[in-house]
Amino acid sequence: MSEQLHDQQWLCFRIEDETYAHPVNQVREILDYLSPVPVPGAQSCVEGVLNVRGEIVTIVSSKQLLGLDEAVNDSEHIIVLETTSGLVGVTVDEVKKISVLADADMMPVERNQNSSPVKGTINHDDQLLILTDFERCINELEHYE
């Protein structure tokens, strides 16, 4: 019974050929991809902003946050996250499912960069999932000058 208390729901999604997961408790909604309005002078990872039901949502590129080549933007969805900085949308190629993952099975990764969103990995259903913490990157963006 106590083991279930350490299980957490994660939203699984695909970026290029890898499957990633982010805690569901931070996800507000999932949108079909819409082209955001560009913001002059914003960091390169910021694609722009969208008005989502009267709220301004900053849209950031998951590929840039992860340090991936963004030659082709084939994002099909935006995952809107509730962060301490407000609502932020993260572009992803495909949203797959929600999985329950056990904290005990997670393998943390050493974070060489402060702004890396990767916090660990886990084997689940014979597949390697890369666990993300996009809020950490977004907080770093807030301190950008």
N, C-alpha and C. Protein backbone atom coordinates (compact mmCIF):
# COMPACT_ATOMS: atom_id res chain seq x y z
N MET A 1 0.83 -1.20 0.00
CA MET A 1 0.00 0.00 0.00
C MET A 1 0.87 1.26 0.00
N SER A 2 1.88 1.31 0.86
CA SER A 2 2.73 2.51 0.92
C SER A 2 3.51 2.69 -0.37
N GLU A 3 3.76 1.60 -1.09
CA GLU A 3 4.49 1.69 -2.35
C GLU A 3 3.69 2.50 -3.38
N GLN A 4 2.36 2.38 -3.36
CA GLN A 4 1.53 3.12 -4.28
C GLN A 4 1.60 4.62 -4.03
N LEU A 5 1.89 5.02 -2.83
CA LEU A 5 1.99 6.45 -2.51
C LEU A 5 3.14 7.10 -3.26
N HIS A 6 4.13 6.33 -3.70
CA HIS A 6 5.28 6.88 -4.39
C HIS A 6 5.16 6.73 -5.91
N ASP A 7 4.03 6.20 -6.38
CA ASP A 7 3.78 6.13 -7.80
C ASP A 7 3.21 7.47 -8.25
N GLN A 8 3.54 7.86 -9.46
CA GLN A 8 3.11 9.15 -9.97
C GLN A 8 2.67 8.98 -11.42
N GLN A 9 1.68 9.74 -11.83
CA GLN A 9 1.24 9.72 -13.22
C GLN A 9 2.13 10.64 -14.04
N TRP A 10 2.55 10.12 -15.21
CA TRP A 10 3.41 10.87 -16.12
C TRP A 10 2.77 10.89 -17.50
N LEU A 11 2.80 12.03 -18.16
CA LEU A 11 2.33 12.15 -19.54
C LEU A 11 3.48 11.78 -20.46
N CYS A 12 3.28 10.76 -21.28
CA CYS A 12 4.31 10.30 -22.21
C CYS A 12 4.09 10.95 -23.57
N PHE A 13 5.17 11.41 -24.18
CA PHE A 13 5.09 12.06 -25.47
C PHE A 13 6.36 11.80 -26.25
N ARG A 14 6.27 12.01 -27.57
CA ARG A 14 7.40 11.74 -28.45
C ARG A 14 7.96 13.05 -28.98
N ILE A 15 9.29 13.13 -28.98
CA ILE A 15 10.03 14.20 -29.64
C ILE A 15 11.08 13.50 -30.48
N GLU A 16 10.99 13.69 -31.78
CA GLU A 16 11.81 12.95 -32.75
C GLU A 16 11.63 11.46 -32.50
N ASP A 17 12.70 10.70 -32.26
CA ASP A 17 12.60 9.25 -32.12
C ASP A 17 12.59 8.78 -30.67
N GLU A 18 12.54 9.70 -29.73
CA GLU A 18 12.60 9.32 -28.31
C GLU A 18 11.26 9.57 -27.63
N THR A 19 11.00 8.80 -26.57
CA THR A 19 9.79 8.98 -25.78
C THR A 19 10.18 9.62 -24.45
N TYR A 20 9.49 10.69 -24.12
CA TYR A 20 9.75 11.46 -22.91
C TYR A 20 8.51 11.39 -22.01
N ALA A 21 8.66 11.77 -20.76
CA ALA A 21 7.53 11.81 -19.84
C ALA A 21 7.68 13.02 -18.92
N HIS A 22 6.54 13.63 -18.60
CA HIS A 22 6.51 14.80 -17.71
C HIS A 22 5.39 14.57 -16.69
N PRO A 23 5.58 15.00 -15.43
CA PRO A 23 4.56 14.77 -14.41
C PRO A 23 3.20 15.37 -14.81
N VAL A 24 2.16 14.57 -14.70
CA VAL A 24 0.81 15.00 -15.08
C VAL A 24 0.33 16.14 -14.18
N ASN A 25 0.75 16.16 -12.93
CA ASN A 25 0.25 17.18 -12.01
C ASN A 25 0.63 18.61 -12.43
N GLN A 26 1.55 18.78 -13.36
CA GLN A 26 1.91 20.11 -13.86
C GLN A 26 1.24 20.42 -15.19
N VAL A 27 0.58 19.42 -15.80
CA VAL A 27 -0.03 19.61 -17.11
C VAL A 27 -1.44 20.18 -16.94
N ARG A 28 -1.67 21.31 -17.61
CA ARG A 28 -3.00 21.91 -17.57
C ARG A 28 -3.87 21.40 -18.70
N GLU A 29 -3.32 21.35 -19.92
CA GLU A 29 -4.07 20.86 -21.07
C GLU A 29 -3.12 20.57 -22.22
N ILE A 30 -3.66 19.90 -23.23
CA ILE A 30 -2.91 19.59 -24.44
C ILE A 30 -3.66 20.20 -25.61
N LEU A 31 -2.94 20.96 -26.42
CA LEU A 31 -3.53 21.64 -27.57
C LEU A 31 -2.96 21.08 -28.86
N ASP A 32 -3.76 21.11 -29.93
CA ASP A 32 -3.20 20.88 -31.25
C ASP A 32 -2.27 22.05 -31.54
N TYR A 33 -1.22 21.80 -32.32
CA TYR A 33 -0.23 22.84 -32.57
C TYR A 33 -0.85 24.00 -33.35
N LEU A 34 -0.62 25.20 -32.84
CA LEU A 34 -0.97 26.45 -33.51
C LEU A 34 0.29 27.28 -33.59
N SER A 35 0.47 28.01 -34.68
CA SER A 35 1.66 28.87 -34.80
C SER A 35 1.52 30.04 -33.84
N PRO A 36 2.46 30.18 -32.93
CA PRO A 36 2.39 31.30 -31.98
C PRO A 36 2.80 32.62 -32.63
N VAL A 37 2.41 33.71 -31.99
CA VAL A 37 2.81 35.04 -32.44
C VAL A 37 4.23 35.28 -31.94
N PRO A 38 5.18 35.58 -32.85
CA PRO A 38 6.57 35.78 -32.43
C PRO A 38 6.71 36.96 -31.45
N VAL A 39 7.70 36.84 -30.57
CA VAL A 39 7.99 37.89 -29.60
C VAL A 39 9.38 38.44 -29.91
N PRO A 40 9.46 39.69 -30.42
CA PRO A 40 10.78 40.26 -30.73
C PRO A 40 11.68 40.31 -29.50
N GLY A 41 12.93 39.91 -29.66
CA GLY A 41 13.90 39.97 -28.58
C GLY A 41 13.84 38.81 -27.60
N ALA A 42 12.95 37.85 -27.83
CA ALA A 42 12.86 36.70 -26.93
C ALA A 42 14.02 35.73 -27.21
N GLN A 43 14.29 34.88 -26.23
CA GLN A 43 15.32 33.86 -26.42
C GLN A 43 14.95 32.96 -27.59
N SER A 44 15.95 32.31 -28.17
CA SER A 44 15.73 31.48 -29.36
C SER A 44 14.78 30.31 -29.11
N CYS A 45 14.70 29.82 -27.88
CA CYS A 45 13.81 28.69 -27.61
C CYS A 45 12.35 29.11 -27.51
N VAL A 46 12.09 30.41 -27.39
CA VAL A 46 10.72 30.90 -27.31
C VAL A 46 10.18 31.09 -28.72
N GLU A 47 9.17 30.28 -29.07
CA GLU A 47 8.57 30.38 -30.39
C GLU A 47 7.63 31.58 -30.49
N GLY A 48 7.04 31.96 -29.36
CA GLY A 48 6.12 33.10 -29.34
C GLY A 48 5.09 32.92 -28.25
N VAL A 49 3.94 33.56 -28.44
CA VAL A 49 2.87 33.48 -27.45
C VAL A 49 1.55 33.15 -28.14
N LEU A 50 0.64 32.56 -27.38
CA LEU A 50 -0.71 32.27 -27.84
C LEU A 50 -1.70 32.77 -26.80
N ASN A 51 -2.87 33.19 -27.27
CA ASN A 51 -3.97 33.52 -26.38
C ASN A 51 -4.84 32.28 -26.28
N VAL A 52 -4.83 31.67 -25.11
CA VAL A 52 -5.62 30.45 -24.87
C VAL A 52 -6.74 30.81 -23.90
N ARG A 53 -7.94 30.95 -24.42
CA ARG A 53 -9.11 31.30 -23.63
C ARG A 53 -8.86 32.50 -22.73
N GLY A 54 -8.26 33.54 -23.29
CA GLY A 54 -8.05 34.78 -22.56
C GLY A 54 -6.77 34.84 -21.75
N GLU A 55 -5.99 33.78 -21.73
CA GLU A 55 -4.73 33.78 -20.99
C GLU A 55 -3.57 33.70 -21.98
N ILE A 56 -2.54 34.51 -21.76
CA ILE A 56 -1.37 34.51 -22.62
C ILE A 56 -0.44 33.37 -22.19
N VAL A 57 -0.11 32.51 -23.14
CA VAL A 57 0.76 31.35 -22.88
C VAL A 57 2.02 31.50 -23.72
N THR A 58 3.18 31.48 -23.07
CA THR A 58 4.46 31.50 -23.78
C THR A 58 4.71 30.10 -24.32
N ILE A 59 5.05 30.01 -25.62
CA ILE A 59 5.29 28.73 -26.27
C ILE A 59 6.79 28.57 -26.47
N VAL A 60 7.34 27.47 -25.94
CA VAL A 60 8.77 27.20 -26.09
C VAL A 60 8.99 25.90 -26.85
N SER A 61 10.11 25.81 -27.53
CA SER A 61 10.46 24.64 -28.31
C SER A 61 11.13 23.60 -27.43
N SER A 62 10.51 22.44 -27.33
CA SER A 62 11.11 21.36 -26.53
C SER A 62 12.43 20.91 -27.15
N LYS A 63 12.51 20.96 -28.48
CA LYS A 63 13.73 20.52 -29.14
C LYS A 63 14.90 21.43 -28.77
N GLN A 64 14.68 22.72 -28.70
CA GLN A 64 15.76 23.63 -28.30
C GLN A 64 16.11 23.45 -26.82
N LEU A 65 15.10 23.25 -25.97
CA LEU A 65 15.38 23.04 -24.56
C LEU A 65 16.20 21.78 -24.34
N LEU A 66 15.98 20.77 -25.19
CA LEU A 66 16.70 19.51 -25.09
C LEU A 66 18.00 19.50 -25.87
N GLY A 67 18.28 20.57 -26.62
CA GLY A 67 19.51 20.65 -27.40
C GLY A 67 19.48 19.81 -28.66
N LEU A 68 18.29 19.58 -29.22
CA LEU A 68 18.14 18.79 -30.43
C LEU A 68 18.14 19.69 -31.66
N ASP A 69 18.49 19.12 -32.80
CA ASP A 69 18.46 19.86 -34.06
C ASP A 69 17.01 20.15 -34.44
N GLU A 70 16.74 21.40 -34.74
CA GLU A 70 15.37 21.79 -35.05
C GLU A 70 15.23 22.18 -36.52
N ALA A 71 15.88 21.43 -37.40
CA ALA A 71 15.83 21.73 -38.84
C ALA A 71 14.39 21.63 -39.35
N VAL A 72 13.65 20.65 -38.86
CA VAL A 72 12.27 20.48 -39.28
C VAL A 72 11.37 20.60 -38.06
N ASN A 73 10.43 21.54 -38.11
CA ASN A 73 9.48 21.68 -37.00
C ASN A 73 8.25 20.85 -37.33
N ASP A 74 8.20 19.63 -36.80
CA ASP A 74 7.06 18.77 -37.06
C ASP A 74 6.22 18.57 -35.81
N SER A 75 6.23 19.58 -34.94
CA SER A 75 5.43 19.52 -33.72
C SER A 75 3.95 19.48 -34.07
N GLU A 76 3.25 18.60 -33.41
CA GLU A 76 1.81 18.47 -33.65
C GLU A 76 0.99 18.90 -32.45
N HIS A 77 1.62 19.01 -31.27
CA HIS A 77 0.88 19.35 -30.06
C HIS A 77 1.66 20.34 -29.20
N ILE A 78 0.93 20.99 -28.33
CA ILE A 78 1.51 21.87 -27.32
C ILE A 78 0.98 21.39 -25.96
N ILE A 79 1.91 21.07 -25.08
CA ILE A 79 1.54 20.69 -23.72
C ILE A 79 1.63 21.96 -22.87
N VAL A 80 0.49 22.40 -22.34
CA VAL A 80 0.45 23.61 -21.52
C VAL A 80 0.70 23.21 -20.07
N LEU A 81 1.76 23.78 -19.50
CA LEU A 81 2.17 23.47 -18.13
C LEU A 81 1.86 24.64 -17.21
N GLU A 82 1.44 24.31 -16.00
CA GLU A 82 1.28 25.32 -14.95
C GLU A 82 2.59 25.37 -14.18
N THR A 83 3.28 26.51 -14.27
CA THR A 83 4.56 26.66 -13.58
C THR A 83 4.47 27.81 -12.60
N THR A 84 5.48 27.96 -11.77
CA THR A 84 5.51 29.09 -10.85
C THR A 84 5.63 30.41 -11.60
N SER A 85 6.09 30.35 -12.87
CA SER A 85 6.21 31.54 -13.70
C SER A 85 4.95 31.83 -14.50
N GLY A 86 3.95 30.97 -14.40
CA GLY A 86 2.72 31.13 -15.18
C GLY A 86 2.56 29.98 -16.16
N LEU A 87 1.66 30.16 -17.12
CA LEU A 87 1.40 29.11 -18.11
C LEU A 87 2.46 29.14 -19.20
N VAL A 88 2.98 27.96 -19.51
CA VAL A 88 3.98 27.82 -20.57
C VAL A 88 3.61 26.60 -21.40
N GLY A 89 3.66 26.77 -22.73
CA GLY A 89 3.39 25.67 -23.63
C GLY A 89 4.69 25.10 -24.17
N VAL A 90 4.81 23.80 -24.21
CA VAL A 90 5.99 23.12 -24.72
C VAL A 90 5.57 22.31 -25.95
N THR A 91 6.23 22.54 -27.08
CA THR A 91 5.88 21.85 -28.32
C THR A 91 6.42 20.42 -28.31
N VAL A 92 5.59 19.47 -28.76
CA VAL A 92 6.02 18.08 -28.86
C VAL A 92 5.48 17.51 -30.17
N ASP A 93 6.11 16.42 -30.63
CA ASP A 93 5.72 15.81 -31.89
C ASP A 93 4.43 15.01 -31.76
N GLU A 94 4.30 14.26 -30.67
CA GLU A 94 3.12 13.41 -30.50
C GLU A 94 2.89 13.14 -29.02
N VAL A 95 1.64 13.24 -28.58
CA VAL A 95 1.29 12.86 -27.21
C VAL A 95 0.82 11.42 -27.26
N LYS A 96 1.39 10.58 -26.37
CA LYS A 96 1.12 9.14 -26.45
C LYS A 96 0.10 8.67 -25.42
N LYS A 97 0.42 8.78 -24.13
CA LYS A 97 -0.46 8.22 -23.10
C LYS A 97 -0.03 8.73 -21.73
N ILE A 98 -0.82 8.35 -20.74
CA ILE A 98 -0.45 8.62 -19.34
C ILE A 98 -0.05 7.28 -18.72
N SER A 99 1.11 7.27 -18.08
CA SER A 99 1.60 6.05 -17.43
C SER A 99 1.84 6.33 -15.95
N VAL A 100 1.64 5.31 -15.14
CA VAL A 100 1.96 5.39 -13.72
C VAL A 100 3.35 4.80 -13.54
N LEU A 101 4.26 5.61 -13.02
CA LEU A 101 5.64 5.18 -12.85
C LEU A 101 6.02 5.23 -11.37
N ALA A 102 6.83 4.28 -10.95
CA ALA A 102 7.27 4.21 -9.56
C ALA A 102 8.57 4.99 -9.38
N ASP A 103 8.58 5.84 -8.37
CA ASP A 103 9.79 6.61 -8.07
C ASP A 103 11.01 5.71 -7.87
N ALA A 104 10.81 4.54 -7.29
CA ALA A 104 11.92 3.64 -6.97
C ALA A 104 12.60 3.12 -8.23
N ASP A 105 11.89 3.09 -9.36
CA ASP A 105 12.46 2.56 -10.61
C ASP A 105 13.23 3.61 -11.41
N MET A 106 13.15 4.85 -11.01
CA MET A 106 13.78 5.94 -11.77
C MET A 106 15.28 5.99 -11.53
N MET A 107 16.00 6.22 -12.61
CA MET A 107 17.45 6.39 -12.54
C MET A 107 17.76 7.86 -12.81
N PRO A 108 18.19 8.60 -11.80
CA PRO A 108 18.51 10.02 -12.04
C PRO A 108 19.73 10.15 -12.93
N VAL A 109 19.78 11.23 -13.69
CA VAL A 109 20.95 11.50 -14.54
C VAL A 109 21.69 12.70 -13.95
N GLU A 110 22.99 12.68 -14.18
CA GLU A 110 23.80 13.80 -13.71
C GLU A 110 23.52 14.99 -14.61
N ARG A 111 23.21 16.10 -14.02
CA ARG A 111 22.90 17.30 -14.79
C ARG A 111 24.14 18.15 -14.94
N ASN A 112 24.72 18.10 -16.12
CA ASN A 112 25.91 18.92 -16.39
C ASN A 112 25.53 20.36 -16.62
N GLN A 113 24.38 20.57 -17.24
CA GLN A 113 23.92 21.93 -17.50
C GLN A 113 22.80 22.25 -16.53
N ASN A 114 22.80 23.47 -16.01
CA ASN A 114 21.74 23.88 -15.11
C ASN A 114 20.39 23.91 -15.81
N SER A 115 20.41 24.17 -17.11
CA SER A 115 19.15 24.36 -17.82
C SER A 115 18.64 23.09 -18.51
N SER A 116 19.27 21.96 -18.27
CA SER A 116 18.81 20.72 -18.90
C SER A 116 17.49 20.27 -18.29
N PRO A 117 16.49 19.96 -19.14
CA PRO A 117 15.22 19.50 -18.59
C PRO A 117 15.20 18.01 -18.22
N VAL A 118 16.24 17.27 -18.58
CA VAL A 118 16.26 15.83 -18.32
C VAL A 118 16.63 15.58 -16.86
N LYS A 119 15.75 14.87 -16.15
CA LYS A 119 16.03 14.60 -14.74
C LYS A 119 16.29 13.14 -14.46
N GLY A 120 15.96 12.25 -15.41
CA GLY A 120 16.22 10.84 -15.19
C GLY A 120 15.67 9.99 -16.31
N THR A 121 15.80 8.68 -16.13
CA THR A 121 15.26 7.73 -17.09
C THR A 121 14.57 6.61 -16.32
N ILE A 122 13.74 5.87 -17.03
CA ILE A 122 13.07 4.73 -16.43
C ILE A 122 12.72 3.75 -17.54
N ASN A 123 12.86 2.46 -17.24
CA ASN A 123 12.39 1.43 -18.17
C ASN A 123 10.95 1.11 -17.81
N HIS A 124 10.07 1.25 -18.81
CA HIS A 124 8.64 1.01 -18.57
C HIS A 124 8.05 0.34 -19.80
N ASP A 125 7.41 -0.79 -19.61
CA ASP A 125 6.83 -1.55 -20.73
C ASP A 125 7.85 -1.80 -21.84
N ASP A 126 9.03 -2.25 -21.45
CA ASP A 126 10.12 -2.55 -22.40
C ASP A 126 10.53 -1.36 -23.25
N GLN A 127 10.41 -0.18 -22.69
CA GLN A 127 10.79 1.03 -23.41
C GLN A 127 11.49 1.99 -22.44
N LEU A 128 12.51 2.67 -22.94
CA LEU A 128 13.20 3.66 -22.13
C LEU A 128 12.46 4.98 -22.23
N LEU A 129 12.05 5.51 -21.09
CA LEU A 129 11.41 6.82 -21.03
C LEU A 129 12.40 7.82 -20.45
N ILE A 130 12.48 8.98 -21.06
CA ILE A 130 13.33 10.06 -20.56
C ILE A 130 12.43 11.00 -19.77
N LEU A 131 12.72 11.13 -18.48
CA LEU A 131 11.89 11.94 -17.59
C LEU A 131 12.35 13.39 -17.63
N THR A 132 11.39 14.30 -17.77
CA THR A 132 11.71 15.72 -17.93
C THR A 132 11.18 16.56 -16.78
N ASP A 133 11.80 17.70 -16.62
CA ASP A 133 11.36 18.72 -15.67
C ASP A 133 11.48 20.06 -16.40
N PHE A 134 10.49 20.35 -17.26
CA PHE A 134 10.55 21.57 -18.06
C PHE A 134 10.43 22.82 -17.20
N GLU A 135 9.79 22.72 -16.04
CA GLU A 135 9.65 23.90 -15.19
C GLU A 135 11.02 24.45 -14.78
N ARG A 136 11.96 23.56 -14.57
CA ARG A 136 13.31 23.98 -14.19
C ARG A 136 13.93 24.86 -15.28
N CYS A 137 13.76 24.46 -16.54
CA CYS A 137 14.29 25.25 -17.67
C CYS A 137 13.57 26.58 -17.78
N ILE A 138 12.27 26.53 -17.58
CA ILE A 138 11.46 27.74 -17.71
C ILE A 138 11.84 28.75 -16.63
N ASN A 139 12.12 28.26 -15.44
CA ASN A 139 12.58 29.16 -14.38
C ASN A 139 13.92 29.80 -14.75
N GLU A 140 14.79 29.05 -15.43
CA GLU A 140 16.06 29.62 -15.90
C GLU A 140 15.81 30.72 -16.92
N LEU A 141 14.80 30.55 -17.79
CA LEU A 141 14.45 31.57 -18.78
C LEU A 141 14.02 32.86 -18.10
N GLU A 142 13.33 32.75 -16.99
CA GLU A 142 12.86 33.93 -16.25
C GLU A 142 14.02 34.79 -15.79
N HIS A 143 15.17 34.17 -15.52
CA HIS A 143 16.33 34.91 -15.02
C HIS A 143 17.25 35.36 -16.14
N TYR A 144 16.84 35.11 -17.39
CA TYR A 144 17.65 35.49 -18.55
C TYR A 144 17.62 37.00 -18.71
N GLU A 145 18.79 37.58 -18.98
CA GLU A 145 18.85 39.02 -19.22
C GLU A 145 19.64 39.30 -20.46
